């Protein structure tokens, strides 16, 4: 019975450690999501758009992409295309 109790206690400690790590990672991700885009980054993006479009471009919105994999980014881009 003592062996079972020790094994359960060890498993509980491991699960608690994993939960604490997941909670700290989640808190860090929430900080990143709520962070504003720095002004110098917005200026650099605006300059790149103007250079590419010959000063006819206008940056209307900039946001962080929250997907981690390139496949998810590709799906997101394809699903956002406007059909004309």
C-alpha atoms as a PDB file:
ATOM      1  CA  UNK A   1       0.000   0.000   0.000  1.00  0.00           C
ATOM      2  CA  UNK A   2       2.887   2.352   0.803  1.00  0.00           C
ATOM      3  CA  UNK A   3       4.406   1.783  -2.644  1.00  0.00           C
ATOM      4  CA  UNK A   4       1.132   2.759  -4.279  1.00  0.00           C
ATOM      5  CA  UNK A   5       0.898   5.876  -2.146  1.00  0.00           C
ATOM      6  CA  UNK A   6       4.473   6.854  -3.024  1.00  0.00           C
ATOM      7  CA  UNK A   7       3.814   6.297  -6.730  1.00  0.00           C
ATOM      8  CA  UNK A   8       0.644   8.370  -6.559  1.00  0.00           C
ATOM      9  CA  UNK A   9       2.461  11.121  -4.688  1.00  0.00           C
ATOM     10  CA  UNK A  10       5.249  11.161  -7.281  1.00  0.00           C
ATOM     11  CA  UNK A  11       2.741  11.281 -10.127  1.00  0.00           C
ATOM     12  CA  UNK A  12       0.907  14.134  -8.440  1.00  0.00           C
ATOM     13  CA  UNK A  13       4.146  16.086  -8.003  1.00  0.00           C
ATOM     14  CA  UNK A  14       5.026  15.597 -11.684  1.00  0.00           C
ATOM     15  CA  UNK A  15       1.542  16.674 -12.764  1.00  0.00           C
ATOM     16  CA  UNK A  16       1.736  19.744 -10.532  1.00  0.00           C
ATOM     17  CA  UNK A  17       5.114  20.700 -11.999  1.00  0.00           C
ATOM     18  CA  UNK A  18       3.774  20.296 -15.553  1.00  0.00           C
ATOM     19  CA  UNK A  19       0.704  22.367 -14.707  1.00  0.00           C
ATOM     20  CA  UNK A  20       2.841  25.140 -13.227  1.00  0.00           C
ATOM     21  CA  UNK A  21       5.022  25.163 -16.344  1.00  0.00           C
ATOM     22  CA  UNK A  22       1.966  25.290 -18.624  1.00  0.00           C
ATOM     23  CA  UNK A  23       0.474  28.144 -16.606  1.00  0.00           C
ATOM     24  CA  UNK A  24       3.704  30.152 -16.815  1.00  0.00           C
ATOM     25  CA  UNK A  25       3.898  29.570 -20.591  1.00  0.00           C
ATOM     26  CA  UNK A  26       0.276  30.654 -20.942  1.00  0.00           C
ATOM     27  CA  UNK A  27       0.951  33.825 -18.972  1.00  0.00           C
ATOM     28  CA  UNK A  28       3.922  34.606 -21.242  1.00  0.00           C
ATOM     29  CA  UNK A  29       1.809  34.042 -24.369  1.00  0.00           C
ATOM     30  CA  UNK A  30      -0.904  36.340 -23.031  1.00  0.00           C
ATOM     31  CA  UNK A  31       1.701  39.055 -22.463  1.00  0.00           C
ATOM     32  CA  UNK A  32       2.853  38.694 -26.078  1.00  0.00           C
ATOM     33  CA  UNK A  33      -0.672  38.809 -27.484  1.00  0.00           C
ATOM     34  CA  UNK A  34      -1.511  41.961 -25.543  1.00  0.00           C
ATOM     35  CA  UNK A  35       1.732  43.690 -26.539  1.00  0.00           C
ATOM     36  CA  UNK A  36       1.538  46.624 -28.933  1.00  0.00           C
ATOM     37  CA  UNK A  37       3.530  46.674 -32.135  1.00  0.00           C
ATOM     38  CA  UNK A  38       6.471  49.094 -31.750  1.00  0.00           C
ATOM     39  CA  UNK A  39       6.256  52.336 -33.726  1.00  0.00           C
ATOM     40  CA  UNK A  40       9.532  51.711 -35.567  1.00  0.00           C
ATOM     41  CA  UNK A  41       8.150  48.380 -36.823  1.00  0.00           C
ATOM     42  CA  UNK A  42       4.997  50.102 -38.114  1.00  0.00           C
ATOM     43  CA  UNK A  43       7.139  52.719 -39.879  1.00  0.00           C
ATOM     44  CA  UNK A  44       9.305  50.009 -41.458  1.00  0.00           C
ATOM     45  CA  UNK A  45       6.240  48.119 -42.705  1.00  0.00           C
ATOM     46  CA  UNK A  46       4.726  51.333 -44.088  1.00  0.00           C
ATOM     47  CA  UNK A  47       7.975  52.168 -45.897  1.00  0.00           C
ATOM     48  CA  UNK A  48       8.160  48.680 -47.396  1.00  0.00           C
ATOM     49  CA  UNK A  49       4.547  48.868 -48.609  1.00  0.00           C
ATOM     50  CA  UNK A  50       5.144  52.315 -50.133  1.00  0.00           C
ATOM     51  CA  UNK A  51       8.324  51.160 -51.858  1.00  0.00           C
ATOM     52  CA  UNK A  52       6.652  48.047 -53.250  1.00  0.00           C
ATOM     53  CA  UNK A  53       3.467  49.758 -54.423  1.00  0.00           C
ATOM     54  CA  UNK A  54       5.145  52.922 -55.668  1.00  0.00           C
ATOM     55  CA  UNK A  55       3.814  55.234 -52.944  1.00  0.00           C
ATOM     56  CA  UNK A  56       0.201  54.220 -53.651  1.00  0.00           C
ATOM     57  CA  UNK A  57      -0.052  51.846 -50.722  1.00  0.00           C
ATOM     58  CA  UNK A  58      -1.684  52.508 -47.410  1.00  0.00           C
ATOM     59  CA  UNK A  59      -1.235  50.332 -44.334  1.00  0.00           C
ATOM     60  CA  UNK A  60      -4.657  50.009 -42.714  1.00  0.00           C
ATOM     61  CA  UNK A  61      -4.001  47.380 -40.071  1.00  0.00           C
ATOM     62  CA  UNK A  62      -1.094  45.447 -38.610  1.00  0.00           C
ATOM     63  CA  UNK A  63      -1.427  42.570 -36.184  1.00  0.00           C
ATOM     64  CA  UNK A  64       0.685  39.767 -34.814  1.00  0.00           C
ATOM     65  CA  UNK A  65       0.073  36.380 -36.364  1.00  0.00           C
ATOM     66  CA  UNK A  66      -0.650  33.915 -33.586  1.00  0.00           C
ATOM     67  CA  UNK A  67      -0.116  30.668 -35.536  1.00  0.00           C
ATOM     68  CA  UNK A  68       3.168  28.898 -34.975  1.00  0.00           C
ATOM     69  CA  UNK A  69       3.474  26.636 -38.006  1.00  0.00           C
ATOM     70  CA  UNK A  70       3.918  27.670 -41.608  1.00  0.00           C
ATOM     71  CA  UNK A  71       1.139  25.273 -42.645  1.00  0.00           C
ATOM     72  CA  UNK A  72      -1.352  27.008 -40.364  1.00  0.00           C
ATOM     73  CA  UNK A  73      -0.215  30.377 -41.719  1.00  0.00           C
ATOM     74  CA  UNK A  74      -0.772  29.161 -45.281  1.00  0.00           C
ATOM     75  CA  UNK A  75      -4.266  27.942 -44.454  1.00  0.00           C
ATOM     76  CA  UNK A  76      -5.065  31.241 -42.786  1.00  0.00           C
ATOM     77  CA  UNK A  77      -3.889  33.230 -45.803  1.00  0.00           C
ATOM     78  CA  UNK A  78      -5.883  31.053 -48.207  1.00  0.00           C
ATOM     79  CA  UNK A  79      -9.039  31.358 -46.121  1.00  0.00           C
ATOM     80  CA  UNK A  80      -8.754  35.146 -45.927  1.00  0.00           C
ATOM     81  CA  UNK A  81      -8.562  35.693 -49.680  1.00  0.00           C
ATOM     82  CA  UNK A  82     -11.355  37.845 -51.060  1.00  0.00           C
ATOM     83  CA  UNK A  83     -12.895  36.462 -54.230  1.00  0.00           C
ATOM     84  CA  UNK A  84     -13.854  39.074 -56.785  1.00  0.00           C
END
